Amino acid sequence: MLLWMRPRATTVNVLSLLAHLQHERLRSTWRVVVLLALINLGGQSSLEKLYVKVTENALDRLAQNEHWQAKARQVLQKYADFISINRGVWAIA
């Protein structure tokens, strides 16, 4: 009688791959993209500088959304993580 056992390392590798994929998916949400851009800009920025930083860091998101600038503004207005300092200037709350 032969018994076949799977090595445990395969299970761990699959779980770590799934965890990595989930982390990448969460990291690329619009909310996180805008938050990381503002963090990189010192916590406060004009929309123009924010747009430049988003284009540097989230090319995959830009390719999926033709109106990405409107989406970034929507995120800024929607979440309590961001506050408007002045017209066209946003900061992390």
Protein backbone atom coordinates (compact mmCIF):
# COMPACT_ATOMS: atom_id res chain seq x y z
CA MET A 1 0.00 0.00 0.00
CA LEU A 2 1.37 3.42 -1.01
CA LEU A 3 0.39 6.67 0.63
CA TRP A 4 0.97 9.95 -1.14
CA MET A 5 1.43 13.07 0.92
CA ARG A 6 1.74 16.59 -0.37
CA PRO A 7 4.64 18.56 0.94
CA ARG A 8 3.56 21.33 3.30
CA ALA A 9 5.74 23.88 1.52
CA THR A 10 3.39 23.86 -1.48
CA THR A 11 0.46 24.89 0.69
CA VAL A 12 2.47 27.68 2.27
CA ASN A 13 3.65 28.90 -1.14
CA VAL A 14 0.09 29.03 -2.45
CA LEU A 15 -1.10 30.90 0.64
CA SER A 16 1.73 33.40 0.47
CA LEU A 17 1.02 33.97 -3.22
CA LEU A 18 -2.67 34.58 -2.50
CA ALA A 19 -1.79 36.94 0.34
CA HIS A 20 0.58 38.84 -1.94
CA LEU A 21 -2.07 39.14 -4.66
CA GLN A 22 -4.62 40.40 -2.15
CA HIS A 23 -2.13 42.94 -0.80
CA GLU A 24 -1.45 44.23 -4.31
CA ARG A 25 -5.18 44.53 -5.00
CA LEU A 26 -5.78 46.51 -1.82
CA ARG A 27 -2.77 48.71 -2.43
CA SER A 28 -4.07 49.72 -5.82
CA THR A 29 -7.49 51.02 -4.77
CA TRP A 30 -8.13 54.64 -5.70
CA ARG A 31 -8.36 55.62 -2.04
CA VAL A 32 -4.91 54.21 -1.32
CA VAL A 33 -3.43 55.61 -4.54
CA VAL A 34 -4.57 59.14 -3.63
CA LEU A 35 -3.51 58.74 0.02
CA LEU A 36 -0.01 57.54 -0.92
CA ALA A 37 0.34 60.39 -3.41
CA LEU A 38 -0.54 62.92 -0.72
CA ILE A 39 1.84 61.28 1.74
CA ASN A 40 4.64 61.50 -0.83
CA LEU A 41 3.83 65.18 -1.33
CA GLY A 42 4.15 65.97 2.38
CA GLY A 43 0.50 65.52 3.38
CA GLN A 44 -0.81 68.52 1.46
CA SER A 45 -0.90 69.35 -2.23
CA SER A 46 -2.59 71.18 -5.05
CA LEU A 47 -4.58 69.09 -7.50
CA GLU A 48 -2.01 69.65 -10.26
CA LYS A 49 0.86 68.25 -8.17
CA LEU A 50 -1.37 65.42 -6.98
CA TYR A 51 -2.20 64.48 -10.58
CA VAL A 52 1.51 64.34 -11.44
CA LYS A 53 2.26 62.10 -8.46
CA VAL A 54 -0.64 59.78 -9.28
CA THR A 55 0.60 59.42 -12.87
CA GLU A 56 4.03 58.45 -11.52
CA ASN A 57 2.71 55.82 -9.11
CA ALA A 58 -0.47 54.30 -10.56
CA LEU A 59 -0.12 53.70 -14.27
CA ASP A 60 -2.21 50.52 -14.06
CA ARG A 61 -5.15 52.47 -12.61
CA LEU A 62 -4.83 55.21 -15.23
CA ALA A 63 -5.00 52.65 -18.02
CA GLN A 64 -8.28 51.32 -16.62
CA ASN A 65 -9.99 54.69 -16.23
CA GLU A 66 -10.07 57.33 -18.94
CA HIS A 67 -11.43 59.95 -16.50
CA TRP A 68 -8.94 59.27 -13.73
CA GLN A 69 -8.63 62.91 -12.66
CA ALA A 70 -12.36 63.05 -11.94
CA LYS A 71 -12.02 59.77 -10.03
CA ALA A 72 -9.21 61.22 -7.91
CA ARG A 73 -11.35 64.29 -7.10
CA GLN A 74 -14.27 62.01 -6.23
CA VAL A 75 -12.08 60.08 -3.79
CA LEU A 76 -10.87 63.33 -2.19
CA GLN A 77 -14.46 64.50 -1.67
CA LYS A 78 -15.91 61.15 -0.62
CA TYR A 79 -13.63 59.98 2.19
CA ALA A 80 -13.06 61.62 5.55
CA ASP A 81 -9.34 60.86 5.16
CA PHE A 82 -8.98 64.05 3.12
CA ILE A 83 -9.87 67.67 3.78
CA SER A 84 -9.97 70.67 1.49
CA ILE A 85 -7.61 73.40 2.70
CA ASN A 86 -8.40 75.86 -0.05
CA ARG A 87 -9.90 75.69 -3.52
CA GLY A 88 -7.87 73.05 -5.36
CA VAL A 89 -5.66 72.26 -2.34
CA TRP A 90 -6.15 69.04 -0.38
CA ALA A 91 -4.56 67.53 2.71
CA ILE A 92 -4.69 64.37 4.76
CA ALA A 93 -7.19 64.82 7.60
